């Protein structure tokens, strides 16, 4: 793993990109990492484009700004590819992860010539099979852990189960579906 890994999330209000970024930071913190997880707000309304960020490091993090040259980019809503330059500053040694039902070949023309690794996952399919509803942040969270290699998958799943048990203490029925979504997403990333 890199000493410092920077991840930028692109989504729309209500899709859970901010929540996923904060959950990733929490899990990494619980594993003894130094972390930053934070959103950037624009117009705060459902469906508006939002950006969130994660910094995860083995050493103290001294920078306190948005992430302009991320190692990884997560695109929770593929419609943003038409309006936001999601590859801006993305290191070609990194990767972009896109939630889409399209093939990689169909997506490439929308990436402004990005030369790095392009990974895709159909988060809608994962959600419908495991949750019965469309909450793309859960599979996208697992998928970026797989793509980035930021932590071991088994450790991630264990920490997420602990976190979700706490978060959904009053709704334990939600835990099983979310855990299934995380596990399936780890398998479905292309």
N, C-alpha and C. Protein backbone atom coordinates (compact mmCIF):
# COMPACT_ATOMS: atom_id res chain seq x y z
N UNK A 1 0.83 -1.19 0.00
CA UNK A 1 0.00 0.00 0.00
C UNK A 1 0.87 1.24 0.00
N UNK A 2 0.38 2.29 -0.63
CA UNK A 2 1.07 3.56 -0.62
C UNK A 2 1.12 4.10 0.81
N UNK A 3 2.07 5.00 1.07
CA UNK A 3 2.12 5.65 2.38
C UNK A 3 0.87 6.51 2.56
N UNK A 4 0.48 7.24 1.50
CA UNK A 4 -0.72 8.07 1.52
C UNK A 4 -1.56 7.73 0.29
N UNK A 5 -2.81 7.40 0.50
CA UNK A 5 -3.74 7.13 -0.59
C UNK A 5 -4.83 8.18 -0.55
N UNK A 6 -5.08 8.80 -1.70
CA UNK A 6 -6.11 9.82 -1.80
C UNK A 6 -7.20 9.36 -2.77
N UNK A 7 -8.45 9.48 -2.32
CA UNK A 7 -9.60 9.03 -3.10
C UNK A 7 -10.60 10.17 -3.20
N UNK A 8 -11.07 10.40 -4.42
CA UNK A 8 -12.12 11.40 -4.64
C UNK A 8 -13.38 10.67 -5.09
N UNK A 9 -14.51 11.02 -4.46
CA UNK A 9 -15.81 10.42 -4.76
C UNK A 9 -16.66 11.43 -5.50
N UNK A 10 -17.34 10.99 -6.57
CA UNK A 10 -18.31 11.82 -7.29
C UNK A 10 -19.65 11.10 -7.25
N UNK A 11 -20.67 11.81 -6.81
CA UNK A 11 -22.00 11.24 -6.76
C UNK A 11 -23.04 12.34 -6.83
N UNK A 12 -24.25 11.99 -6.53
CA UNK A 12 -25.34 12.96 -6.46
C UNK A 12 -25.91 12.90 -5.04
N UNK A 13 -26.41 14.04 -4.58
CA UNK A 13 -26.99 14.09 -3.25
C UNK A 13 -28.03 13.02 -3.07
N UNK A 14 -27.93 12.26 -1.99
CA UNK A 14 -28.88 11.20 -1.70
C UNK A 14 -28.43 9.82 -2.09
N UNK A 15 -27.29 9.70 -2.80
CA UNK A 15 -26.81 8.38 -3.23
C UNK A 15 -25.85 7.76 -2.22
N UNK A 16 -25.42 8.53 -1.24
CA UNK A 16 -24.58 7.98 -0.20
C UNK A 16 -23.08 8.06 -0.43
N UNK A 17 -22.62 8.86 -1.39
CA UNK A 17 -21.18 8.98 -1.62
C UNK A 17 -20.48 9.53 -0.38
N UNK A 18 -21.07 10.55 0.24
CA UNK A 18 -20.48 11.12 1.45
C UNK A 18 -20.43 10.08 2.55
N UNK A 19 -21.51 9.34 2.73
CA UNK A 19 -21.57 8.30 3.77
C UNK A 19 -20.51 7.23 3.51
N UNK A 20 -20.36 6.82 2.27
CA UNK A 20 -19.36 5.80 1.93
C UNK A 20 -17.95 6.30 2.23
N UNK A 21 -17.67 7.55 1.88
CA UNK A 21 -16.34 8.12 2.15
C UNK A 21 -16.08 8.14 3.65
N UNK A 22 -17.07 8.52 4.43
CA UNK A 22 -16.90 8.58 5.89
C UNK A 22 -16.77 7.18 6.49
N UNK A 23 -17.52 6.21 5.95
CA UNK A 23 -17.39 4.83 6.44
C UNK A 23 -15.99 4.28 6.15
N UNK A 24 -15.47 4.56 4.96
CA UNK A 24 -14.13 4.10 4.63
C UNK A 24 -13.11 4.70 5.59
N UNK A 25 -13.25 5.99 5.89
CA UNK A 25 -12.34 6.64 6.84
C UNK A 25 -12.46 6.00 8.23
N UNK A 26 -13.68 5.70 8.66
CA UNK A 26 -13.88 5.08 9.97
C UNK A 26 -13.21 3.71 10.05
N UNK A 27 -13.40 2.91 9.02
CA UNK A 27 -12.80 1.56 9.01
C UNK A 27 -11.28 1.68 9.04
N UNK A 28 -10.72 2.55 8.22
CA UNK A 28 -9.26 2.71 8.20
C UNK A 28 -8.75 3.22 9.54
N UNK A 29 -9.48 4.14 10.15
CA UNK A 29 -9.09 4.65 11.48
C UNK A 29 -9.08 3.53 12.51
N UNK A 30 -10.11 2.67 12.46
CA UNK A 30 -10.19 1.54 13.40
C UNK A 30 -9.04 0.56 13.21
N UNK A 31 -8.41 0.60 12.04
CA UNK A 31 -7.26 -0.27 11.77
C UNK A 31 -5.94 0.42 12.09
N UNK A 32 -6.02 1.60 12.71
CA UNK A 32 -4.81 2.30 13.14
C UNK A 32 -4.21 3.24 12.11
N UNK A 33 -4.94 3.52 11.05
CA UNK A 33 -4.44 4.44 10.02
C UNK A 33 -4.76 5.88 10.41
N UNK A 34 -4.03 6.79 9.82
CA UNK A 34 -4.37 8.21 9.90
C UNK A 34 -5.33 8.48 8.76
N UNK A 35 -6.40 9.22 9.03
CA UNK A 35 -7.43 9.39 8.01
C UNK A 35 -7.99 10.81 7.98
N UNK A 36 -8.53 11.12 6.83
CA UNK A 36 -9.40 12.27 6.63
C UNK A 36 -10.52 11.79 5.72
N UNK A 37 -11.74 12.08 6.07
CA UNK A 37 -12.89 11.77 5.24
C UNK A 37 -13.84 12.94 5.34
N UNK A 38 -14.11 13.59 4.20
CA UNK A 38 -14.91 14.81 4.26
C UNK A 38 -15.59 15.09 2.93
N UNK A 39 -16.75 15.76 2.99
CA UNK A 39 -17.45 16.14 1.75
C UNK A 39 -17.12 17.58 1.36
N UNK A 40 -17.38 17.89 0.10
CA UNK A 40 -17.34 19.27 -0.39
C UNK A 40 -18.77 19.58 -0.81
N UNK A 41 -19.33 20.60 -0.24
CA UNK A 41 -20.72 20.91 -0.53
C UNK A 41 -20.85 22.04 -1.54
N UNK A 42 -21.80 21.88 -2.42
CA UNK A 42 -22.24 22.93 -3.34
C UNK A 42 -23.69 23.18 -3.00
N UNK A 43 -24.54 23.18 -4.00
CA UNK A 43 -25.97 23.31 -3.70
C UNK A 43 -26.44 22.04 -2.99
N UNK A 44 -26.88 22.19 -1.77
CA UNK A 44 -27.23 21.03 -0.96
C UNK A 44 -28.67 20.60 -1.22
N UNK A 45 -28.84 19.82 -2.27
CA UNK A 45 -30.18 19.33 -2.57
C UNK A 45 -30.06 17.93 -3.18
N UNK A 46 -31.13 17.19 -3.04
CA UNK A 46 -31.18 15.84 -3.56
C UNK A 46 -30.92 15.86 -5.07
N UNK A 47 -30.00 15.03 -5.52
CA UNK A 47 -29.73 14.92 -6.94
C UNK A 47 -28.64 15.84 -7.45
N UNK A 48 -28.21 16.81 -6.66
CA UNK A 48 -27.14 17.72 -7.10
C UNK A 48 -25.80 17.00 -7.01
N UNK A 49 -24.86 17.32 -7.92
CA UNK A 49 -23.54 16.70 -7.85
C UNK A 49 -22.84 17.04 -6.53
N UNK A 50 -22.24 16.04 -5.93
CA UNK A 50 -21.45 16.24 -4.71
C UNK A 50 -20.09 15.57 -4.90
N UNK A 51 -19.14 16.04 -4.11
CA UNK A 51 -17.81 15.45 -4.11
C UNK A 51 -17.44 15.16 -2.66
N UNK A 52 -16.82 14.03 -2.44
CA UNK A 52 -16.33 13.67 -1.11
C UNK A 52 -14.90 13.15 -1.27
N UNK A 53 -14.18 13.13 -0.18
CA UNK A 53 -12.76 12.80 -0.23
C UNK A 53 -12.36 11.89 0.91
N UNK A 54 -11.33 11.06 0.65
CA UNK A 54 -10.67 10.25 1.67
C UNK A 54 -9.16 10.40 1.51
N UNK A 55 -8.50 10.57 2.63
CA UNK A 55 -7.04 10.43 2.70
C UNK A 55 -6.79 9.37 3.75
N UNK A 56 -5.98 8.39 3.40
CA UNK A 56 -5.66 7.30 4.32
C UNK A 56 -4.15 7.10 4.27
N UNK A 57 -3.53 7.10 5.46
CA UNK A 57 -2.08 7.08 5.50
C UNK A 57 -1.56 6.27 6.69
N UNK A 58 -0.33 5.80 6.56
CA UNK A 58 0.36 5.15 7.67
C UNK A 58 1.03 6.19 8.57
N UNK A 59 1.15 7.41 8.09
CA UNK A 59 1.82 8.49 8.82
C UNK A 59 0.85 9.66 8.99
N UNK A 60 1.12 10.53 9.96
CA UNK A 60 0.24 11.69 10.14
C UNK A 60 0.05 12.47 8.83
N UNK A 61 -1.16 12.96 8.63
CA UNK A 61 -1.50 13.71 7.42
C UNK A 61 -1.41 15.19 7.75
N UNK A 62 -0.56 15.90 7.04
CA UNK A 62 -0.33 17.32 7.33
C UNK A 62 -1.07 18.26 6.38
N UNK A 63 -1.60 17.73 5.30
CA UNK A 63 -2.31 18.57 4.32
C UNK A 63 -3.80 18.59 4.68
N UNK A 64 -4.40 19.78 4.55
CA UNK A 64 -5.83 19.95 4.86
C UNK A 64 -6.48 20.74 3.74
N UNK A 65 -6.77 20.05 2.65
CA UNK A 65 -7.39 20.69 1.49
C UNK A 65 -8.19 19.63 0.75
N UNK A 66 -8.91 20.08 -0.27
CA UNK A 66 -9.54 19.12 -1.16
C UNK A 66 -8.44 18.31 -1.84
N UNK A 67 -8.81 17.26 -2.52
CA UNK A 67 -7.84 16.41 -3.22
C UNK A 67 -7.89 16.74 -4.70
N UNK A 68 -6.78 17.25 -5.20
CA UNK A 68 -6.72 17.70 -6.60
C UNK A 68 -6.04 16.69 -7.51
N UNK A 69 -5.22 15.80 -6.96
CA UNK A 69 -4.54 14.77 -7.75
C UNK A 69 -4.72 13.42 -7.06
N UNK A 70 -5.94 12.88 -7.13
CA UNK A 70 -6.22 11.63 -6.42
C UNK A 70 -5.54 10.42 -7.05
N UNK A 71 -5.35 9.42 -6.20
CA UNK A 71 -4.86 8.13 -6.69
C UNK A 71 -6.02 7.34 -7.30
N UNK A 72 -7.21 7.54 -6.73
CA UNK A 72 -8.40 6.82 -7.19
C UNK A 72 -9.58 7.76 -7.23
N UNK A 73 -10.46 7.51 -8.18
CA UNK A 73 -11.73 8.24 -8.28
C UNK A 73 -12.86 7.22 -8.31
N UNK A 74 -13.91 7.50 -7.54
CA UNK A 74 -15.10 6.66 -7.52
C UNK A 74 -16.24 7.48 -8.10
N UNK A 75 -16.90 6.96 -9.12
CA UNK A 75 -18.05 7.64 -9.73
C UNK A 75 -19.28 6.80 -9.41
N UNK A 76 -20.10 7.32 -8.48
CA UNK A 76 -21.28 6.60 -8.02
C UNK A 76 -22.42 6.70 -9.03
N UNK A 77 -22.44 7.78 -9.82
CA UNK A 77 -23.51 8.01 -10.79
C UNK A 77 -22.89 8.31 -12.15
N UNK A 78 -23.02 7.38 -13.10
CA UNK A 78 -22.37 7.53 -14.40
C UNK A 78 -22.86 8.74 -15.19
N UNK A 79 -24.03 9.29 -14.88
CA UNK A 79 -24.51 10.47 -15.62
C UNK A 79 -23.59 11.67 -15.37
N UNK A 80 -22.82 11.63 -14.30
CA UNK A 80 -21.88 12.72 -14.03
C UNK A 80 -20.75 12.77 -15.06
N UNK A 81 -20.53 11.66 -15.76
CA UNK A 81 -19.47 11.64 -16.79
C UNK A 81 -19.75 12.65 -17.90
N UNK A 82 -21.01 13.03 -18.07
CA UNK A 82 -21.38 13.98 -19.12
C UNK A 82 -21.24 15.43 -18.67
N UNK A 83 -21.17 15.67 -17.37
CA UNK A 83 -21.17 17.05 -16.87
C UNK A 83 -19.98 17.42 -16.00
N UNK A 84 -19.29 16.43 -15.44
CA UNK A 84 -18.17 16.69 -14.53
C UNK A 84 -16.93 16.00 -15.08
N UNK A 85 -15.80 16.69 -15.08
CA UNK A 85 -14.55 16.08 -15.51
C UNK A 85 -14.00 15.25 -14.34
N UNK A 86 -14.52 14.04 -14.20
CA UNK A 86 -14.18 13.20 -13.06
C UNK A 86 -12.73 12.73 -13.08
N UNK A 87 -12.07 12.79 -14.23
CA UNK A 87 -10.68 12.36 -14.32
C UNK A 87 -9.69 13.50 -14.06
N UNK A 88 -10.19 14.69 -13.84
CA UNK A 88 -9.32 15.86 -13.59
C UNK A 88 -8.32 15.53 -12.48
N UNK A 89 -7.05 15.61 -12.80
CA UNK A 89 -5.99 15.40 -11.83
C UNK A 89 -5.73 13.96 -11.44
N UNK A 90 -6.53 13.03 -11.93
CA UNK A 90 -6.38 11.62 -11.55
C UNK A 90 -5.05 11.07 -12.06
N UNK A 91 -4.28 10.51 -11.16
CA UNK A 91 -2.97 9.94 -11.52
C UNK A 91 -3.17 8.72 -12.41
N UNK A 92 -2.39 8.64 -13.48
CA UNK A 92 -2.57 7.49 -14.36
C UNK A 92 -2.04 6.20 -13.75
N UNK A 93 -1.29 6.30 -12.65
CA UNK A 93 -0.87 5.11 -11.92
C UNK A 93 -2.00 4.59 -11.03
N UNK A 94 -3.05 5.37 -10.91
CA UNK A 94 -4.19 5.01 -10.08
C UNK A 94 -5.26 4.32 -10.91
N UNK A 95 -6.51 4.60 -10.56
CA UNK A 95 -7.62 3.99 -11.29
C UNK A 95 -8.90 4.77 -11.05
N UNK A 96 -9.82 4.62 -11.99
CA UNK A 96 -11.16 5.17 -11.83
C UNK A 96 -12.13 3.99 -11.75
N UNK A 97 -13.07 4.08 -10.83
CA UNK A 97 -14.08 3.05 -10.62
C UNK A 97 -15.44 3.68 -10.91
N UNK A 98 -16.19 3.09 -11.83
CA UNK A 98 -17.45 3.68 -12.26
C UNK A 98 -18.59 2.69 -12.07
N UNK A 99 -19.67 3.19 -11.49
CA UNK A 99 -20.92 2.43 -11.35
C UNK A 99 -21.65 2.57 -12.68
N UNK A 100 -21.77 1.48 -13.42
CA UNK A 100 -22.42 1.53 -14.72
C UNK A 100 -22.91 0.16 -15.14
N UNK A 101 -23.90 0.17 -16.02
CA UNK A 101 -24.36 -1.07 -16.65
C UNK A 101 -23.70 -1.22 -18.02
N UNK A 102 -22.96 -0.19 -18.43
CA UNK A 102 -22.30 -0.21 -19.74
C UNK A 102 -20.98 -0.97 -19.67
N UNK A 103 -20.43 -1.25 -20.84
CA UNK A 103 -19.12 -1.88 -20.90
C UNK A 103 -18.04 -0.82 -20.77
N UNK A 104 -16.84 -1.28 -20.47
CA UNK A 104 -15.70 -0.38 -20.37
C UNK A 104 -15.50 0.38 -21.68
N UNK A 105 -15.69 -0.31 -22.80
CA UNK A 105 -15.50 0.30 -24.11
C UNK A 105 -16.49 1.44 -24.35
N UNK A 106 -17.70 1.31 -23.84
CA UNK A 106 -18.72 2.36 -23.99
C UNK A 106 -18.39 3.57 -23.10
N UNK A 107 -17.71 3.33 -22.01
CA UNK A 107 -17.39 4.39 -21.04
C UNK A 107 -16.14 5.18 -21.42
N UNK A 108 -15.16 4.53 -22.01
CA UNK A 108 -13.86 5.17 -22.30
C UNK A 108 -13.96 6.52 -23.02
N UNK A 109 -14.83 6.69 -24.03
CA UNK A 109 -14.89 7.99 -24.70
C UNK A 109 -15.32 9.16 -23.79
N UNK A 110 -15.90 8.85 -22.66
CA UNK A 110 -16.36 9.89 -21.74
C UNK A 110 -15.31 10.29 -20.71
N UNK A 111 -14.12 9.70 -20.79
CA UNK A 111 -13.10 9.90 -19.75
C UNK A 111 -11.97 10.85 -20.16
N UNK A 112 -12.20 11.69 -21.14
CA UNK A 112 -11.24 12.75 -21.52
C UNK A 112 -9.84 12.22 -21.78
N UNK A 113 -9.74 11.03 -22.36
CA UNK A 113 -8.43 10.47 -22.71
C UNK A 113 -7.66 9.90 -21.54
N UNK A 114 -8.30 9.68 -20.42
CA UNK A 114 -7.60 9.12 -19.25
C UNK A 114 -6.90 7.82 -19.64
N UNK A 115 -5.61 7.71 -19.28
CA UNK A 115 -4.79 6.59 -19.70
C UNK A 115 -4.58 5.53 -18.63
N UNK A 116 -5.11 5.75 -17.44
CA UNK A 116 -4.92 4.79 -16.35
C UNK A 116 -5.95 3.68 -16.38
N UNK A 117 -5.98 2.93 -15.31
CA UNK A 117 -6.87 1.78 -15.19
C UNK A 117 -8.32 2.24 -15.02
N UNK A 118 -9.21 1.59 -15.76
CA UNK A 118 -10.65 1.87 -15.67
C UNK A 118 -11.33 0.60 -15.19
N UNK A 119 -12.04 0.70 -14.05
CA UNK A 119 -12.74 -0.44 -13.49
C UNK A 119 -14.23 -0.10 -13.42
N UNK A 120 -15.06 -1.09 -13.61
CA UNK A 120 -16.52 -0.85 -13.56
C UNK A 120 -17.19 -1.88 -12.67
N UNK A 121 -18.36 -1.49 -12.20
CA UNK A 121 -19.22 -2.39 -11.43
C UNK A 121 -20.66 -1.95 -11.66
N UNK A 122 -21.54 -2.91 -11.75
CA UNK A 122 -22.96 -2.62 -11.87
C UNK A 122 -23.55 -2.66 -10.45
N UNK A 123 -23.47 -1.52 -9.77
CA UNK A 123 -23.93 -1.45 -8.38
C UNK A 123 -25.44 -1.64 -8.29
N UNK A 124 -26.17 -1.25 -9.33
CA UNK A 124 -27.63 -1.45 -9.31
C UNK A 124 -27.94 -2.95 -9.22
N UNK A 125 -27.27 -3.75 -10.03
CA UNK A 125 -27.48 -5.20 -10.02
C UNK A 125 -27.16 -5.78 -8.64
N UNK A 126 -26.03 -5.37 -8.07
CA UNK A 126 -25.63 -5.86 -6.75
C UNK A 126 -26.69 -5.50 -5.71
N UNK A 127 -27.16 -4.25 -5.75
CA UNK A 127 -28.16 -3.79 -4.78
C UNK A 127 -29.47 -4.56 -4.91
N UNK A 128 -29.94 -4.73 -6.13
CA UNK A 128 -31.22 -5.39 -6.32
C UNK A 128 -31.15 -6.87 -5.89
N UNK A 129 -30.00 -7.50 -6.11
CA UNK A 129 -29.85 -8.91 -5.73
C UNK A 129 -29.73 -9.09 -4.21
N UNK A 130 -29.19 -8.10 -3.53
CA UNK A 130 -28.88 -8.27 -2.10
C UNK A 130 -29.76 -7.44 -1.17
N UNK A 131 -30.18 -6.27 -1.62
CA UNK A 131 -30.94 -5.36 -0.76
C UNK A 131 -32.38 -5.18 -1.20
N UNK A 132 -32.64 -5.45 -2.48
CA UNK A 132 -33.97 -5.23 -3.02
C UNK A 132 -34.29 -3.77 -3.28
N UNK A 133 -33.35 -2.89 -3.00
CA UNK A 133 -33.47 -1.45 -3.25
C UNK A 133 -32.13 -0.93 -3.73
N UNK A 134 -32.16 0.24 -4.36
CA UNK A 134 -30.94 0.79 -4.95
C UNK A 134 -30.26 1.77 -3.99
N UNK A 135 -29.23 1.28 -3.31
CA UNK A 135 -28.36 2.09 -2.46
C UNK A 135 -26.93 1.87 -2.96
N UNK A 136 -26.48 2.63 -3.96
CA UNK A 136 -25.21 2.33 -4.61
C UNK A 136 -23.96 2.51 -3.74
N UNK A 137 -24.07 3.23 -2.64
CA UNK A 137 -22.86 3.49 -1.85
C UNK A 137 -22.27 2.22 -1.25
N UNK A 138 -23.10 1.27 -0.85
CA UNK A 138 -22.59 0.05 -0.23
C UNK A 138 -21.71 -0.75 -1.19
N UNK A 139 -22.18 -1.09 -2.39
CA UNK A 139 -21.29 -1.82 -3.29
C UNK A 139 -20.09 -0.99 -3.77
N UNK A 140 -20.27 0.32 -3.91
CA UNK A 140 -19.14 1.15 -4.36
C UNK A 140 -18.04 1.20 -3.30
N UNK A 141 -18.43 1.18 -2.04
CA UNK A 141 -17.45 1.17 -0.95
C UNK A 141 -16.60 -0.09 -1.01
N UNK A 142 -17.25 -1.24 -1.14
CA UNK A 142 -16.49 -2.49 -1.25
C UNK A 142 -15.64 -2.51 -2.51
N UNK A 143 -16.19 -2.01 -3.60
CA UNK A 143 -15.46 -2.04 -4.87
C UNK A 143 -14.19 -1.21 -4.81
N UNK A 144 -14.23 -0.03 -4.15
CA UNK A 144 -13.01 0.79 -4.10
C UNK A 144 -11.96 0.15 -3.18
N UNK A 145 -12.41 -0.58 -2.17
CA UNK A 145 -11.45 -1.31 -1.34
C UNK A 145 -10.73 -2.35 -2.19
N UNK A 146 -11.48 -3.04 -3.04
CA UNK A 146 -10.88 -4.05 -3.93
C UNK A 146 -9.93 -3.40 -4.94
N UNK A 147 -10.39 -2.33 -5.58
CA UNK A 147 -9.60 -1.69 -6.64
C UNK A 147 -8.32 -1.05 -6.06
N UNK A 148 -8.44 -0.40 -4.92
CA UNK A 148 -7.31 0.33 -4.35
C UNK A 148 -6.35 -0.57 -3.59
N UNK A 149 -6.84 -1.69 -3.08
CA UNK A 149 -6.00 -2.55 -2.26
C UNK A 149 -5.63 -1.90 -0.94
N UNK A 150 -6.43 -0.95 -0.52
CA UNK A 150 -6.13 -0.15 0.66
C UNK A 150 -6.12 -0.96 1.95
N UNK A 151 -6.83 -2.08 1.95
CA UNK A 151 -6.82 -3.00 3.09
C UNK A 151 -7.24 -4.37 2.59
N UNK A 152 -6.95 -5.37 3.38
CA UNK A 152 -7.34 -6.73 3.01
C UNK A 152 -8.86 -6.85 3.04
N UNK A 153 -9.40 -7.58 2.09
CA UNK A 153 -10.85 -7.71 1.97
C UNK A 153 -11.49 -8.31 3.22
N UNK A 154 -10.86 -9.33 3.79
CA UNK A 154 -11.42 -9.98 4.98
C UNK A 154 -11.47 -9.01 6.15
N UNK A 155 -10.41 -8.21 6.30
CA UNK A 155 -10.35 -7.21 7.37
C UNK A 155 -11.43 -6.16 7.16
N UNK A 156 -11.57 -5.71 5.92
CA UNK A 156 -12.61 -4.74 5.58
C UNK A 156 -13.99 -5.26 5.95
N UNK A 157 -14.30 -6.49 5.55
CA UNK A 157 -15.61 -7.07 5.83
C UNK A 157 -15.85 -7.19 7.33
N UNK A 158 -14.85 -7.61 8.06
CA UNK A 158 -14.99 -7.74 9.52
C UNK A 158 -15.27 -6.38 10.16
N UNK A 159 -14.50 -5.37 9.76
CA UNK A 159 -14.68 -4.03 10.33
C UNK A 159 -16.01 -3.41 9.92
N UNK A 160 -16.44 -3.67 8.69
CA UNK A 160 -17.73 -3.14 8.23
C UNK A 160 -18.87 -3.80 9.00
N UNK A 161 -18.75 -5.09 9.26
CA UNK A 161 -19.81 -5.75 10.02
C UNK A 161 -19.94 -5.13 11.41
N UNK A 162 -18.82 -4.89 12.05
CA UNK A 162 -18.83 -4.24 13.37
C UNK A 162 -19.45 -2.85 13.28
N UNK A 163 -19.04 -2.09 12.28
CA UNK A 163 -19.55 -0.73 12.10
C UNK A 163 -21.06 -0.73 11.82
N UNK A 164 -21.50 -1.61 10.93
CA UNK A 164 -22.91 -1.66 10.57
C UNK A 164 -23.79 -2.17 11.72
N UNK A 165 -23.24 -3.09 12.53
CA UNK A 165 -23.99 -3.56 13.70
C UNK A 165 -24.27 -2.39 14.64
N UNK A 166 -23.29 -1.53 14.79
CA UNK A 166 -23.46 -0.35 15.64
C UNK A 166 -24.42 0.65 15.00
N UNK A 167 -24.21 0.90 13.72
CA UNK A 167 -25.02 1.89 13.01
C UNK A 167 -26.49 1.48 12.94
N UNK A 168 -26.72 0.20 12.72
CA UNK A 168 -28.09 -0.30 12.56
C UNK A 168 -28.54 -1.13 13.77
N UNK A 169 -28.11 -0.73 14.95
CA UNK A 169 -28.45 -1.47 16.17
C UNK A 169 -29.97 -1.62 16.33
N UNK A 170 -30.73 -0.63 15.90
CA UNK A 170 -32.19 -0.69 16.04
C UNK A 170 -32.87 -1.27 14.81
N UNK A 171 -32.07 -1.60 13.78
CA UNK A 171 -32.60 -2.22 12.56
C UNK A 171 -31.69 -3.38 12.14
N UNK A 172 -31.59 -4.42 12.96
CA UNK A 172 -30.64 -5.50 12.64
C UNK A 172 -30.93 -6.22 11.33
N UNK A 173 -32.16 -6.13 10.84
CA UNK A 173 -32.50 -6.78 9.57
C UNK A 173 -31.74 -6.17 8.39
N UNK A 174 -31.25 -4.96 8.54
CA UNK A 174 -30.52 -4.26 7.48
C UNK A 174 -29.09 -4.80 7.35
N UNK A 175 -28.55 -5.32 8.43
CA UNK A 175 -27.17 -5.79 8.45
C UNK A 175 -26.90 -6.89 7.42
N UNK A 176 -27.74 -7.90 7.38
CA UNK A 176 -27.51 -9.04 6.50
C UNK A 176 -27.45 -8.63 5.03
N UNK A 177 -28.40 -7.81 4.58
CA UNK A 177 -28.41 -7.37 3.18
C UNK A 177 -27.19 -6.55 2.82
N UNK A 178 -26.79 -5.67 3.73
CA UNK A 178 -25.62 -4.84 3.46
C UNK A 178 -24.34 -5.67 3.41
N UNK A 179 -24.22 -6.65 4.28
CA UNK A 179 -23.05 -7.52 4.25
C UNK A 179 -23.02 -8.34 2.95
N UNK A 180 -24.19 -8.81 2.51
CA UNK A 180 -24.25 -9.55 1.24
C UNK A 180 -23.85 -8.63 0.08
N UNK A 181 -24.30 -7.37 0.13
CA UNK A 181 -23.97 -6.42 -0.93
C UNK A 181 -22.46 -6.17 -0.97
N UNK A 182 -21.83 -6.01 0.19
CA UNK A 182 -20.38 -5.80 0.23
C UNK A 182 -19.64 -7.00 -0.35
N UNK A 183 -20.03 -8.19 0.04
CA UNK A 183 -19.35 -9.40 -0.43
C UNK A 183 -19.53 -9.60 -1.94
N UNK A 184 -20.75 -9.39 -2.43
CA UNK A 184 -21.01 -9.55 -3.86
C UNK A 184 -20.24 -8.50 -4.67
N UNK A 185 -20.20 -7.28 -4.17
CA UNK A 185 -19.48 -6.22 -4.88
C UNK A 185 -18.00 -6.56 -5.03
N UNK A 186 -17.41 -7.15 -4.02
CA UNK A 186 -15.99 -7.53 -4.11
C UNK A 186 -15.76 -8.52 -5.25
N UNK A 187 -16.77 -9.32 -5.57
CA UNK A 187 -16.66 -10.31 -6.65
C UNK A 187 -17.00 -9.71 -8.01
N UNK A 188 -17.86 -8.69 -8.04
CA UNK A 188 -18.41 -8.18 -9.29
C UNK A 188 -17.59 -7.09 -9.98
N UNK A 189 -16.59 -6.56 -9.31
CA UNK A 189 -15.77 -5.50 -9.93
C UNK A 189 -15.05 -6.05 -11.15
N UNK A 190 -15.13 -5.31 -12.26
CA UNK A 190 -14.45 -5.74 -13.50
C UNK A 190 -13.30 -4.81 -13.80
